[in-house]
């Protein structure tokens, strides 16, 4: 009894066709298979060696660096650095010079109010020089008639007044007249009498007695007392604004 042939079993021709189809499919799969990665350590933060980086570039997983782009970035960075350096070289000396000038040599200030009328007016700008009364240089001592800028406790503004009493002087107002050491003080800068009565008051050492030229509208040593020399900012030297009032402060 012979065995019947299986109608589903492939014949020789069919087997050959299937073999070729399988080989073609394997070849296509082989072409699409990505390249084998180099043996790299899988540790976060690991730095690859130069050889490993070359292998990654050859495999196409990373691109090659662009020398032109890197050079362009470097050029921009150098340009910015040169600009910042030039800016610092220009601004830093100017800031230092301004600070030194303001602290030790001179500063600008503004007249507030009418206490120094008719010689100085509100909003007039002045240069205050600090060398004359400097405790280190001692170029000159304050004199009666000097216009000075002082700090007064309790006031945030600098006050501009005229020196009328020196250390050791006795200051008094009597019969509408200012007396210093019992003698009337000659004051060509005052245009009206000094009304009222005051004192007598002795000026302590290292203090000044100051008053406004507009005696009847002035907050001065009659109110806050003699001013310590340490609170004298400097001597009003030059008026620079407005232009029609340009000149030395008298």
Protein backbone atom coordinates (compact mmCIF):
# COMPACT_ATOMS: atom_id res chain seq x y z
CA UNK A 1 0.00 0.00 0.00
CA UNK A 2 1.63 3.19 -1.13
CA UNK A 3 1.51 6.46 0.85
CA UNK A 4 -0.48 9.27 -0.72
CA UNK A 5 1.47 12.54 -1.34
CA UNK A 6 0.63 15.58 0.90
CA UNK A 7 -0.97 18.21 -1.31
CA UNK A 8 0.28 20.98 1.09
CA UNK A 9 3.99 19.97 1.00
CA UNK A 10 6.01 22.25 -1.27
CA UNK A 11 7.73 20.78 -4.23
CA UNK A 12 11.35 21.32 -5.21
CA UNK A 13 10.53 24.38 -7.29
CA UNK A 14 8.49 25.91 -4.51
CA UNK A 15 11.26 25.26 -1.94
CA UNK A 16 13.80 26.96 -4.19
CA UNK A 17 11.56 30.02 -4.59
CA UNK A 18 10.96 30.22 -0.85
CA UNK A 19 14.69 29.96 -0.17
CA UNK A 20 15.46 32.82 -2.54
CA UNK A 21 12.64 34.94 -1.05
CA UNK A 22 13.99 34.32 2.48
CA UNK A 23 17.49 35.23 1.41
CA UNK A 24 16.26 38.46 -0.23
CA UNK A 25 14.32 39.36 2.91
CA UNK A 26 17.39 38.68 5.08
CA UNK A 27 19.51 40.86 2.80
CA UNK A 28 17.00 43.71 3.10
CA UNK A 29 16.90 43.32 6.88
CA UNK A 30 20.66 43.28 6.93
CA UNK A 31 20.78 46.52 4.96
CA UNK A 32 18.36 48.23 7.35
CA UNK A 33 20.10 47.02 10.50
CA UNK A 34 21.82 49.99 12.22
CA UNK A 35 25.57 49.85 12.69
CA UNK A 36 26.88 48.22 15.79
CA UNK A 37 27.63 50.80 18.48
CA UNK A 38 31.13 50.89 19.90
CA UNK A 39 31.55 49.49 23.35
CA UNK A 40 30.93 52.63 25.43
CA UNK A 41 30.48 52.83 29.18
CA UNK A 42 26.82 53.48 30.07
CA UNK A 43 27.54 55.76 33.01
CA UNK A 44 25.94 59.22 33.25
CA UNK A 45 28.49 61.99 32.95
CA UNK A 46 31.14 59.72 31.38
CA UNK A 47 33.46 61.47 28.94
CA UNK A 48 34.19 59.64 25.73
CA UNK A 49 37.72 59.20 24.50
CA UNK A 50 38.86 60.63 21.16
CA UNK A 51 38.77 57.15 19.59
CA UNK A 52 35.22 56.54 20.82
CA UNK A 53 34.11 59.92 19.46
CA UNK A 54 35.62 59.05 16.06
CA UNK A 55 33.73 55.74 16.05
CA UNK A 56 30.49 57.57 16.87
CA UNK A 57 31.06 59.99 14.00
CA UNK A 58 31.87 57.17 11.56
CA UNK A 59 28.67 55.38 12.60
CA UNK A 60 26.66 58.54 11.84
CA UNK A 61 25.24 58.83 15.39
CA UNK A 62 26.81 62.22 15.91
CA UNK A 63 27.86 64.91 13.49
CA UNK A 64 31.27 66.30 12.84
CA UNK A 65 32.14 69.64 14.50
CA UNK A 66 31.87 72.77 12.37
CA UNK A 67 35.20 74.61 12.51
CA UNK A 68 33.68 77.62 10.75
CA UNK A 69 30.88 77.97 13.33
CA UNK A 70 33.28 77.57 16.24
CA UNK A 71 35.60 80.19 14.80
CA UNK A 72 32.65 82.57 14.30
CA UNK A 73 31.60 82.13 17.92
CA UNK A 74 35.13 82.73 19.08
CA UNK A 75 35.36 85.90 17.01
CA UNK A 76 32.10 87.24 18.50
CA UNK A 77 33.29 86.37 22.00
CA UNK A 78 36.59 88.15 21.47
CA UNK A 79 34.78 91.21 20.09
CA UNK A 80 32.45 91.35 23.12
CA UNK A 81 35.36 90.87 25.51
CA UNK A 82 37.32 93.70 23.88
CA UNK A 83 34.25 95.95 24.03
CA UNK A 84 33.69 95.24 27.74
CA UNK A 85 37.35 95.79 28.50
CA UNK A 86 37.36 99.13 26.69
CA UNK A 87 34.18 100.16 28.50
CA UNK A 88 35.67 99.30 31.89
CA UNK A 89 38.92 101.09 31.06
CA UNK A 90 36.91 104.24 30.26
CA UNK A 91 34.24 104.17 32.97
CA UNK A 92 36.21 102.86 35.96
CA UNK A 93 38.75 105.74 36.04
CA UNK A 94 35.94 108.26 35.56
CA UNK A 95 34.00 106.80 38.51
CA UNK A 96 37.10 106.74 40.72
CA UNK A 97 37.97 110.32 39.76
CA UNK A 98 34.41 111.47 40.50
CA UNK A 99 34.42 109.75 43.89
CA UNK A 100 37.80 111.18 44.87
CA UNK A 101 36.78 114.65 43.71
CA UNK A 102 33.47 114.51 45.55
CA UNK A 103 35.00 113.20 48.76
CA UNK A 104 38.13 115.32 49.02
CA UNK A 105 38.20 118.17 46.50
CA UNK A 106 34.84 119.65 45.59
CA UNK A 107 31.19 118.94 45.06
CA UNK A 108 28.15 120.62 43.57
CA UNK A 109 25.22 121.80 45.65
CA UNK A 110 22.07 123.83 45.27
CA UNK A 111 20.66 126.79 47.18
CA UNK A 112 17.31 126.10 48.84
CA UNK A 113 15.05 128.93 49.94
CA UNK A 114 15.67 132.65 50.38
CA UNK A 115 17.85 132.72 53.48
CA UNK A 116 20.88 134.02 51.53
CA UNK A 117 19.07 136.71 49.55
CA UNK A 118 20.00 139.05 47.92
CA UNK A 119 23.38 137.42 47.26
CA UNK A 120 22.34 133.82 46.54
CA UNK A 121 18.99 132.74 45.18
CA UNK A 122 16.88 129.61 45.44
CA UNK A 123 17.87 126.86 42.95
CA UNK A 124 21.20 128.55 42.24
CA UNK A 125 23.97 125.94 41.69
CA UNK A 126 27.31 126.26 43.45
CA UNK A 127 30.64 124.47 43.58
CA UNK A 128 31.80 123.78 47.13
CA UNK A 129 35.57 123.42 47.52
CA UNK A 130 36.83 121.23 50.37
CA UNK A 131 40.57 121.88 50.35
CA UNK A 132 40.61 125.17 52.25
CA UNK A 133 39.31 123.78 55.54
CA UNK A 134 40.83 120.31 55.19
CA UNK A 135 42.17 119.09 58.53
CA UNK A 136 45.05 117.43 56.68
CA UNK A 137 46.11 120.31 54.44
CA UNK A 138 45.08 123.25 56.66
CA UNK A 139 45.37 125.73 53.80
CA UNK A 140 43.34 128.32 55.66
CA UNK A 141 40.98 128.63 58.59
CA UNK A 142 37.38 129.85 58.23
CA UNK A 143 37.06 133.63 58.33
CA UNK A 144 34.17 135.87 59.18
CA UNK A 145 32.27 136.56 55.96
CA UNK A 146 33.01 133.16 54.41
CA UNK A 147 30.01 131.45 52.82
CA UNK A 148 30.02 127.83 53.96
CA UNK A 149 27.97 124.69 53.45
CA UNK A 150 27.11 122.85 56.65
CA UNK A 151 25.29 119.78 57.84
CA UNK A 152 22.78 120.21 60.62
CA UNK A 153 21.53 117.38 62.79
CA UNK A 154 17.92 116.57 62.02
CA UNK A 155 18.05 117.95 58.46
CA UNK A 156 18.72 115.89 55.36
CA UNK A 157 19.59 119.00 53.31
CA UNK A 158 22.85 120.89 53.32
CA UNK A 159 22.52 124.48 54.47
CA UNK A 160 24.38 127.45 52.99
CA UNK A 161 25.20 130.18 55.51
CA UNK A 162 27.73 132.90 56.26
CA UNK A 163 30.29 132.73 59.05
CA UNK A 164 29.84 135.55 61.58
CA UNK A 165 31.47 134.04 64.68
CA UNK A 166 34.73 132.12 65.12
CA UNK A 167 35.86 129.86 68.01
CA UNK A 168 36.17 131.99 71.16
CA UNK A 169 33.98 134.84 69.82
CA UNK A 170 30.99 136.18 71.69
CA UNK A 171 27.98 136.78 69.46
CA UNK A 172 25.04 138.99 70.40
CA UNK A 173 22.15 140.78 68.68
CA UNK A 174 21.09 143.97 70.40
CA UNK A 175 19.28 147.07 69.22
CA UNK A 176 18.79 145.51 65.75
CA UNK A 177 22.52 145.12 65.31
CA UNK A 178 24.84 142.12 65.23
CA UNK A 179 27.67 142.44 67.77
CA UNK A 180 30.78 140.25 67.84
CA UNK A 181 32.96 140.64 70.92
CA UNK A 182 30.84 143.68 71.85
CA UNK A 183 31.61 145.43 68.55
CA UNK A 184 29.25 145.93 65.57
CA UNK A 185 30.25 143.59 62.75
CA UNK A 186 30.80 145.25 59.38
CA UNK A 187 28.57 143.41 56.90
CA UNK A 188 28.42 144.88 53.36
CA UNK A 189 26.47 141.80 52.19
CA UNK A 190 23.43 142.56 54.43
CA UNK A 191 20.78 144.97 53.12
CA UNK A 192 18.51 145.23 56.16
CA UNK A 193 18.85 145.40 59.94
CA UNK A 194 19.04 142.27 62.07
CA UNK A 195 15.89 142.64 64.10
CA UNK A 196 15.33 141.24 67.57
CA UNK A 197 17.68 140.31 70.35
CA UNK A 198 19.87 137.27 70.92
CA UNK A 199 22.57 136.16 73.29
CA UNK A 200 25.23 136.83 74.15
CA UNK A 201 26.55 133.37 73.20
CA UNK A 202 30.17 132.20 73.35
CA UNK A 203 31.32 130.15 70.37
CA UNK A 204 32.99 126.91 71.59
CA UNK A 205 36.38 125.70 70.27
CA UNK A 206 36.21 124.03 66.86
CA UNK A 207 32.79 125.58 66.18
CA UNK A 208 31.43 128.32 63.92
CA UNK A 209 28.48 130.65 64.37
CA UNK A 210 26.67 130.97 61.03
CA UNK A 211 23.76 133.11 59.84
CA UNK A 212 21.89 133.75 56.61
CA UNK A 213 22.27 137.08 54.80
CA UNK A 214 18.50 137.45 54.82
CA UNK A 215 18.55 137.66 58.60
CA UNK A 216 14.81 137.82 59.19
CA UNK A 217 14.08 134.75 57.05
CA UNK A 218 16.90 132.40 57.98
CA UNK A 219 17.21 129.17 59.94
CA UNK A 220 20.72 129.44 61.36
CA UNK A 221 22.85 129.25 64.52
CA UNK A 222 20.29 131.34 66.36
CA UNK A 223 18.10 128.22 66.12
CA UNK A 224 20.45 125.22 66.08
CA UNK A 225 23.48 126.75 67.78
CA UNK A 226 27.13 126.91 66.71
CA UNK A 227 28.15 124.33 64.10
CA UNK A 228 31.03 121.89 64.79
CA UNK A 229 33.85 122.16 62.28
CA UNK A 230 33.41 118.45 61.47
CA UNK A 231 29.97 119.32 60.05
CA UNK A 232 31.33 122.00 57.73
CA UNK A 233 31.37 120.45 54.24
CA UNK A 234 33.39 123.24 52.65
CA UNK A 235 33.45 126.77 51.35
CA UNK A 236 31.03 127.92 48.65
CA UNK A 237 33.43 128.93 45.91
CA UNK A 238 31.81 129.27 42.48
CA UNK A 239 28.31 129.87 41.13
CA UNK A 240 27.86 128.09 37.79
CA UNK A 241 24.09 128.08 37.21
CA UNK A 242 22.13 129.91 35.94
CA UNK A 243 24.68 131.28 33.47
CA UNK A 244 23.89 134.93 34.20
CA UNK A 245 24.98 134.36 37.82
CA UNK A 246 28.31 132.76 36.91
CA UNK A 247 31.16 133.92 39.13
CA UNK A 248 32.92 133.60 42.46
CA UNK A 249 30.74 133.53 45.58
CA UNK A 250 31.22 136.74 47.56
